[in-house]
Amino acid sequence: MLQPIELLTRTLCDTTPTHPAEIAFLFGQTVDNQESVLKQAESLLKQRKTQQVSFLQSPALSGYPGFESWKGILLTKGISESQITGIPFDNLTMIHTRIEAEALIRYAKQQNIQTIYILAAPFHQLRAFMTAVTLAVELYPTVKLYSMSGTPLDWQQNVAHSQGQVLGSRSQLIAGELERIEKYIQKGDLGTYQLVLDYLNQRDRIV
């Protein structure tokens, strides 16, 4: 029981890199929850805590409004097009958290990106970060991932989540996220709490 609580605390209260992260990656959210990550991305750029924000270069799919939609919103917030990067993605049938994480980590390795902020809506942050770390350990263990939760939104508002198929208040969605974590750990699709804690413990020692 202590490992999940420790990891949740550290995920929501992570340290920050000593220099601006090369990119901040936004996990796909539904329209109901997109403002959480878009607002945080805007803040990171304007505070110069990252050089780029990135998300899947995909059309609208699985509840994600699509690259062009999110880019358009960020442009209206005063973010320049040169600060927005699309992560290559060619699966036009489905988007889910592991698919996004794999696309990100493969791109980061190809581009030799060393530091990345991982952003998701707060109720999704733990699973999103665990998934990103799982893929990093598998594919690119020297990359430094930092957890940066999206801006909190009204916890009692009813919203759609998870490919737009799960409905409930944001506070109610937390239980479903924890259930998915346990399920995916048991299936072997997601690294254990200890694996992610070990990654965090050694992250800042990576040369």
C-alpha atoms as a PDB file:
ATOM      1  CA  MET A   1       0.000   0.000   0.000  1.00  0.00           C
ATOM      2  CA  LEU A   2       2.862   2.401   0.734  1.00  0.00           C
ATOM      3  CA  GLN A   3       4.391   2.230  -2.759  1.00  0.00           C
ATOM      4  CA  PRO A   4       1.284   3.549  -4.584  1.00  0.00           C
ATOM      5  CA  ILE A   5       0.929   6.400  -2.085  1.00  0.00           C
ATOM      6  CA  GLU A   6       4.612   7.321  -2.330  1.00  0.00           C
ATOM      7  CA  LEU A   7       4.525   7.237  -6.120  1.00  0.00           C
ATOM      8  CA  LEU A   8       1.292   9.239  -6.318  1.00  0.00           C
ATOM      9  CA  THR A   9       2.774  11.906  -4.023  1.00  0.00           C
ATOM     10  CA  ARG A  10       6.012  12.109  -5.992  1.00  0.00           C
ATOM     11  CA  THR A  11       4.194  12.158  -9.307  1.00  0.00           C
ATOM     12  CA  LEU A  12       2.004  15.082  -8.296  1.00  0.00           C
ATOM     13  CA  CYS A  13       4.887  16.898  -6.556  1.00  0.00           C
ATOM     14  CA  ASP A  14       7.855  16.044  -8.770  1.00  0.00           C
ATOM     15  CA  THR A  15      11.054  18.032  -8.854  1.00  0.00           C
ATOM     16  CA  THR A  16      11.933  20.004 -11.987  1.00  0.00           C
ATOM     17  CA  PRO A  17      14.972  19.770 -14.269  1.00  0.00           C
ATOM     18  CA  THR A  18      17.878  22.111 -13.645  1.00  0.00           C
ATOM     19  CA  HIS A  19      17.499  23.531 -17.169  1.00  0.00           C
ATOM     20  CA  PRO A  20      14.381  24.039 -19.301  1.00  0.00           C
ATOM     21  CA  ALA A  21      13.034  20.739 -20.576  1.00  0.00           C
ATOM     22  CA  GLU A  22      13.441  20.278 -24.294  1.00  0.00           C
ATOM     23  CA  ILE A  23       9.773  19.393 -24.693  1.00  0.00           C
ATOM     24  CA  ALA A  24       6.590  19.091 -22.669  1.00  0.00           C
ATOM     25  CA  PHE A  25       4.387  16.256 -23.916  1.00  0.00           C
ATOM     26  CA  LEU A  26       0.630  16.536 -23.538  1.00  0.00           C
ATOM     27  CA  PHE A  27      -1.240  13.250 -23.305  1.00  0.00           C
ATOM     28  CA  GLY A  28      -4.477  13.386 -25.263  1.00  0.00           C
ATOM     29  CA  GLN A  29      -7.541  14.523 -23.345  1.00  0.00           C
ATOM     30  CA  THR A  30     -11.169  14.905 -24.341  1.00  0.00           C
ATOM     31  CA  VAL A  31     -12.580  18.367 -25.041  1.00  0.00           C
ATOM     32  CA  ASP A  32     -13.984  18.335 -21.492  1.00  0.00           C
ATOM     33  CA  ASN A  33     -10.491  18.053 -20.002  1.00  0.00           C
ATOM     34  CA  GLN A  34      -8.197  19.581 -22.615  1.00  0.00           C
ATOM     35  CA  GLU A  35      -7.940  22.965 -20.907  1.00  0.00           C
ATOM     36  CA  SER A  36      -6.068  21.292 -18.038  1.00  0.00           C
ATOM     37  CA  VAL A  37      -3.054  20.377 -20.179  1.00  0.00           C
ATOM     38  CA  LEU A  38      -3.258  23.300 -22.605  1.00  0.00           C
ATOM     39  CA  LYS A  39      -3.230  25.850 -19.793  1.00  0.00           C
ATOM     40  CA  GLN A  40      -0.284  24.143 -18.112  1.00  0.00           C
ATOM     41  CA  ALA A  41       1.576  23.971 -21.423  1.00  0.00           C
ATOM     42  CA  GLU A  42       1.019  27.694 -21.937  1.00  0.00           C
ATOM     43  CA  SER A  43       2.357  28.384 -18.444  1.00  0.00           C
ATOM     44  CA  LEU A  44       5.490  26.266 -18.956  1.00  0.00           C
ATOM     45  CA  LEU A  45       6.316  28.048 -22.204  1.00  0.00           C
ATOM     46  CA  LYS A  46       5.710  31.544 -20.879  1.00  0.00           C
ATOM     47  CA  GLN A  47       7.800  30.804 -17.787  1.00  0.00           C
ATOM     48  CA  ARG A  48      10.505  29.373 -20.081  1.00  0.00           C
ATOM     49  CA  LYS A  49      10.452  26.040 -18.284  1.00  0.00           C
ATOM     50  CA  THR A  50      10.318  24.243 -21.626  1.00  0.00           C
ATOM     51  CA  GLN A  51      11.324  25.031 -25.190  1.00  0.00           C
ATOM     52  CA  GLN A  52       8.500  23.179 -26.971  1.00  0.00           C
ATOM     53  CA  VAL A  53       5.123  21.660 -26.304  1.00  0.00           C
ATOM     54  CA  SER A  54       4.215  18.506 -28.187  1.00  0.00           C
ATOM     55  CA  PHE A  55       1.284  16.157 -28.731  1.00  0.00           C
ATOM     56  CA  LEU A  56       0.288  13.528 -31.254  1.00  0.00           C
ATOM     57  CA  GLN A  57       0.214  14.697 -34.862  1.00  0.00           C
ATOM     58  CA  SER A  58      -3.082  12.949 -35.401  1.00  0.00           C
ATOM     59  CA  PRO A  59      -6.555  13.864 -36.598  1.00  0.00           C
ATOM     60  CA  ALA A  60      -9.391  13.779 -34.084  1.00  0.00           C
ATOM     61  CA  LEU A  61      -9.515  10.222 -32.774  1.00  0.00           C
ATOM     62  CA  SER A  62     -10.561   8.298 -29.647  1.00  0.00           C
ATOM     63  CA  GLY A  63     -11.801  11.436 -27.904  1.00  0.00           C
ATOM     64  CA  TYR A  64      -8.620  13.420 -28.664  1.00  0.00           C
ATOM     65  CA  PRO A  65      -9.600  16.542 -30.637  1.00  0.00           C
ATOM     66  CA  GLY A  66      -6.521  16.268 -32.839  1.00  0.00           C
ATOM     67  CA  PHE A  67      -3.241  18.081 -33.466  1.00  0.00           C
ATOM     68  CA  GLU A  68      -4.684  20.940 -35.526  1.00  0.00           C
ATOM     69  CA  SER A  69      -7.362  21.677 -32.932  1.00  0.00           C
ATOM     70  CA  TRP A  70      -4.903  21.919 -30.055  1.00  0.00           C
ATOM     71  CA  LYS A  71      -2.397  23.884 -32.114  1.00  0.00           C
ATOM     72  CA  GLY A  72      -5.116  26.368 -32.999  1.00  0.00           C
ATOM     73  CA  ILE A  73      -6.045  26.865 -29.356  1.00  0.00           C
ATOM     74  CA  LEU A  74      -2.423  27.429 -28.337  1.00  0.00           C
ATOM     75  CA  LEU A  75      -1.936  29.956 -31.143  1.00  0.00           C
ATOM     76  CA  THR A  76      -4.855  31.977 -29.765  1.00  0.00           C
ATOM     77  CA  LYS A  77      -3.078  31.991 -26.394  1.00  0.00           C
ATOM     78  CA  GLY A  78      -0.054  33.711 -27.926  1.00  0.00           C
ATOM     79  CA  ILE A  79       2.103  30.609 -28.389  1.00  0.00           C
ATOM     80  CA  SER A  80       4.087  30.693 -31.616  1.00  0.00           C
ATOM     81  CA  GLU A  81       3.816  27.884 -34.154  1.00  0.00           C
ATOM     82  CA  SER A  82       7.579  27.284 -33.818  1.00  0.00           C
ATOM     83  CA  GLN A  83       6.998  26.268 -30.176  1.00  0.00           C
ATOM     84  CA  ILE A  84       4.544  23.490 -31.082  1.00  0.00           C
ATOM     85  CA  THR A  85       5.752  20.068 -32.234  1.00  0.00           C
ATOM     86  CA  GLY A  86       3.688  17.201 -33.561  1.00  0.00           C
ATOM     87  CA  ILE A  87       4.746  13.720 -32.510  1.00  0.00           C
ATOM     88  CA  PRO A  88       4.588  11.395 -35.555  1.00  0.00           C
ATOM     89  CA  PHE A  89       1.697   8.973 -35.349  1.00  0.00           C
ATOM     90  CA  ASP A  90       0.350   6.687 -38.054  1.00  0.00           C
ATOM     91  CA  ASN A  91      -2.221   4.530 -36.226  1.00  0.00           C
ATOM     92  CA  LEU A  92      -5.566   5.845 -37.464  1.00  0.00           C
ATOM     93  CA  THR A  93      -7.722   3.308 -35.650  1.00  0.00           C
ATOM     94  CA  MET A  94      -7.155   4.043 -31.953  1.00  0.00           C
ATOM     95  CA  ILE A  95      -5.320   6.210 -29.462  1.00  0.00           C
ATOM     96  CA  HIS A  96      -4.713   5.169 -25.878  1.00  0.00           C
ATOM     97  CA  THR A  97      -2.166   6.023 -23.211  1.00  0.00           C
ATOM     98  CA  ARG A  98       0.380   3.308 -24.044  1.00  0.00           C
ATOM     99  CA  ILE A  99       0.242   4.077 -27.777  1.00  0.00           C
ATOM    100  CA  GLU A 100       0.909   7.750 -27.011  1.00  0.00           C
ATOM    101  CA  ALA A 101       3.776   6.935 -24.661  1.00  0.00           C
ATOM    102  CA  GLU A 102       5.420   4.657 -27.205  1.00  0.00           C
ATOM    103  CA  ALA A 103       5.145   7.277 -29.949  1.00  0.00           C
ATOM    104  CA  LEU A 104       6.693   9.871 -27.628  1.00  0.00           C
ATOM    105  CA  ILE A 105       9.595   7.726 -26.451  1.00  0.00           C
ATOM    106  CA  ARG A 106      10.455   6.511 -29.959  1.00  0.00           C
ATOM    107  CA  TYR A 107      10.447  10.103 -31.200  1.00  0.00           C
ATOM    108  CA  ALA A 108      12.551  11.292 -28.252  1.00  0.00           C
ATOM    109  CA  LYS A 109      15.137   8.575 -28.868  1.00  0.00           C
ATOM    110  CA  GLN A 110      15.259   9.343 -32.591  1.00  0.00           C
ATOM    111  CA  GLN A 111      15.730  13.063 -31.908  1.00  0.00           C
ATOM    112  CA  ASN A 112      18.124  12.526 -28.971  1.00  0.00           C
ATOM    113  CA  ILE A 113      15.828  14.467 -26.632  1.00  0.00           C
ATOM    114  CA  GLN A 114      17.104  14.258 -23.073  1.00  0.00           C
ATOM    115  CA  THR A 115      14.484  15.930 -20.835  1.00  0.00           C
ATOM    116  CA  ILE A 116      10.697  15.825 -21.109  1.00  0.00           C
ATOM    117  CA  TYR A 117       7.805  17.048 -18.987  1.00  0.00           C
ATOM    118  CA  ILE A 118       4.881  14.617 -18.966  1.00  0.00           C
ATOM    119  CA  LEU A 119       1.490  16.350 -18.735  1.00  0.00           C
ATOM    120  CA  ALA A 120      -1.979  14.883 -18.272  1.00  0.00           C
ATOM    121  CA  ALA A 121      -5.150  15.937 -16.491  1.00  0.00           C
ATOM    122  CA  PRO A 122      -4.589  15.472 -12.722  1.00  0.00           C
ATOM    123  CA  PHE A 123      -6.837  12.379 -12.421  1.00  0.00           C
ATOM    124  CA  HIS A 124      -4.936  10.792 -15.348  1.00  0.00           C
ATOM    125  CA  GLN A 125      -1.438  11.957 -14.361  1.00  0.00           C
ATOM    126  CA  LEU A 126      -0.329   8.916 -12.363  1.00  0.00           C
ATOM    127  CA  ARG A 127      -1.196   6.393 -15.072  1.00  0.00           C
ATOM    128  CA  ALA A 128       0.157   8.617 -17.843  1.00  0.00           C
ATOM    129  CA  PHE A 129       3.479   9.111 -16.066  1.00  0.00           C
ATOM    130  CA  MET A 130       3.788   5.438 -15.127  1.00  0.00           C
ATOM    131  CA  THR A 131       3.136   4.485 -18.747  1.00  0.00           C
ATOM    132  CA  ALA A 132       5.704   6.937 -20.070  1.00  0.00           C
ATOM    133  CA  VAL A 133       8.313   5.624 -17.616  1.00  0.00           C
ATOM    134  CA  THR A 134       7.462   2.021 -18.525  1.00  0.00           C
ATOM    135  CA  LEU A 135       8.144   2.720 -22.210  1.00  0.00           C
ATOM    136  CA  ALA A 136      11.240   4.760 -21.391  1.00  0.00           C
ATOM    137  CA  VAL A 137      12.723   1.882 -19.396  1.00  0.00           C
ATOM    138  CA  GLU A 138      11.970  -0.467 -22.311  1.00  0.00           C
ATOM    139  CA  LEU A 139      13.130   1.738 -25.186  1.00  0.00           C
ATOM    140  CA  TYR A 140      15.198   4.712 -24.000  1.00  0.00           C
ATOM    141  CA  PRO A 141      16.267   4.386 -20.357  1.00  0.00           C
ATOM    142  CA  THR A 142      18.581   7.415 -20.334  1.00  0.00           C
ATOM    143  CA  VAL A 143      15.816   9.941 -21.071  1.00  0.00           C
ATOM    144  CA  LYS A 144      14.765  12.065 -18.105  1.00  0.00           C
ATOM    145  CA  LEU A 145      11.003  12.274 -17.651  1.00  0.00           C
ATOM    146  CA  TYR A 146       9.523  14.785 -15.199  1.00  0.00           C
ATOM    147  CA  SER A 147       5.928  14.705 -14.008  1.00  0.00           C
ATOM    148  CA  MET A 148       3.969  17.958 -14.386  1.00  0.00           C
ATOM    149  CA  SER A 149       0.271  17.586 -13.732  1.00  0.00           C
ATOM    150  CA  GLY A 150      -2.157  19.651 -15.756  1.00  0.00           C
ATOM    151  CA  THR A 151      -4.002  22.552 -14.164  1.00  0.00           C
ATOM    152  CA  PRO A 152      -6.784  21.332 -11.834  1.00  0.00           C
ATOM    153  CA  LEU A 153     -10.334  21.839 -13.088  1.00  0.00           C
ATOM    154  CA  ASP A 154     -13.645  21.564 -11.198  1.00  0.00           C
ATOM    155  CA  TRP A 155     -13.519  18.137  -9.544  1.00  0.00           C
ATOM    156  CA  GLN A 156     -17.321  17.843  -9.335  1.00  0.00           C
ATOM    157  CA  GLN A 157     -18.020  18.592 -12.993  1.00  0.00           C
ATOM    158  CA  ASN A 158     -19.277  15.627 -15.022  1.00  0.00           C
ATOM    159  CA  VAL A 159     -16.997  14.943 -17.987  1.00  0.00           C
ATOM    160  CA  ALA A 160     -16.099  12.371 -20.614  1.00  0.00           C
ATOM    161  CA  HIS A 161     -12.749  10.568 -20.403  1.00  0.00           C
ATOM    162  CA  SER A 162     -10.905   7.560 -21.860  1.00  0.00           C
ATOM    163  CA  GLN A 163     -11.720   7.737 -25.587  1.00  0.00           C
ATOM    164  CA  GLY A 164     -14.837   9.645 -24.554  1.00  0.00           C
ATOM    165  CA  GLN A 165     -16.428   6.421 -23.295  1.00  0.00           C
ATOM    166  CA  VAL A 166     -16.126   6.893 -19.520  1.00  0.00           C
ATOM    167  CA  LEU A 167     -18.447   9.431 -17.911  1.00  0.00           C
ATOM    168  CA  GLY A 168     -18.465  10.822 -14.394  1.00  0.00           C
ATOM    169  CA  SER A 169     -17.213  13.662 -12.253  1.00  0.00           C
ATOM    170  CA  ARG A 170     -13.464  14.193 -12.350  1.00  0.00           C
ATOM    171  CA  SER A 171     -13.266  13.021  -8.738  1.00  0.00           C
ATOM    172  CA  GLN A 172     -15.113   9.815  -9.652  1.00  0.00           C
ATOM    173  CA  LEU A 173     -12.678   9.140 -12.499  1.00  0.00           C
ATOM    174  CA  ILE A 174      -9.819   8.681 -10.029  1.00  0.00           C
ATOM    175  CA  ALA A 175     -11.100   5.261  -8.929  1.00  0.00           C
ATOM    176  CA  GLY A 176     -11.275   4.062 -12.519  1.00  0.00           C
ATOM    177  CA  GLU A 177      -7.731   5.213 -13.166  1.00  0.00           C
ATOM    178  CA  LEU A 178      -6.442   3.307 -10.137  1.00  0.00           C
ATOM    179  CA  GLU A 179      -8.320   0.201 -11.272  1.00  0.00           C
ATOM    180  CA  ARG A 180      -6.755   0.449 -14.731  1.00  0.00           C
ATOM    181  CA  ILE A 181      -3.288   0.779 -13.220  1.00  0.00           C
ATOM    182  CA  GLU A 182      -3.730  -2.429 -11.228  1.00  0.00           C
ATOM    183  CA  LYS A 183      -5.226  -4.235 -14.229  1.00  0.00           C
ATOM    184  CA  TYR A 184      -2.442  -3.200 -16.604  1.00  0.00           C
ATOM    185  CA  ILE A 185       0.284  -4.053 -14.084  1.00  0.00           C
ATOM    186  CA  GLN A 186      -1.200  -7.540 -13.768  1.00  0.00           C
ATOM    187  CA  LYS A 187      -1.326  -7.901 -17.571  1.00  0.00           C
ATOM    188  CA  GLY A 188       2.291  -6.782 -17.894  1.00  0.00           C
ATOM    189  CA  ASP A 189       1.383  -3.726 -19.992  1.00  0.00           C
ATOM    190  CA  LEU A 190       2.432  -1.328 -17.255  1.00  0.00           C
ATOM    191  CA  GLY A 191       5.511  -1.269 -15.064  1.00  0.00           C
ATOM    192  CA  THR A 192       5.134  -1.806 -11.335  1.00  0.00           C
ATOM    193  CA  TYR A 193       5.087   0.979  -8.758  1.00  0.00           C
ATOM    194  CA  GLN A 194       8.573  -0.127  -7.719  1.00  0.00           C
ATOM    195  CA  LEU A 195       9.873   0.115 -11.283  1.00  0.00           C
ATOM    196  CA  VAL A 196       8.726   3.726 -11.535  1.00  0.00           C
ATOM    197  CA  LEU A 197      10.059   4.586  -8.074  1.00  0.00           C
ATOM    198  CA  ASP A 198      13.420   3.058  -9.006  1.00  0.00           C
ATOM    199  CA  TYR A 199      13.439   5.160 -12.174  1.00  0.00           C
ATOM    200  CA  LEU A 200      12.774   8.344 -10.202  1.00  0.00           C
ATOM    201  CA  ASN A 201      15.429   7.478  -7.642  1.00  0.00           C
ATOM    202  CA  GLN A 202      18.123   7.101 -10.277  1.00  0.00           C
ATOM    203  CA  ARG A 203      16.846   9.675 -12.805  1.00  0.00           C
ATOM    204  CA  ASP A 204      18.977  12.579 -11.670  1.00  0.00           C
ATOM    205  CA  ARG A 205      22.069  10.397 -11.533  1.00  0.00           C
ATOM    206  CA  ILE A 206      21.847   9.696 -15.282  1.00  0.00           C
ATOM    207  CA  VAL A 207      24.873  11.155 -17.056  1.00  0.00           C
END
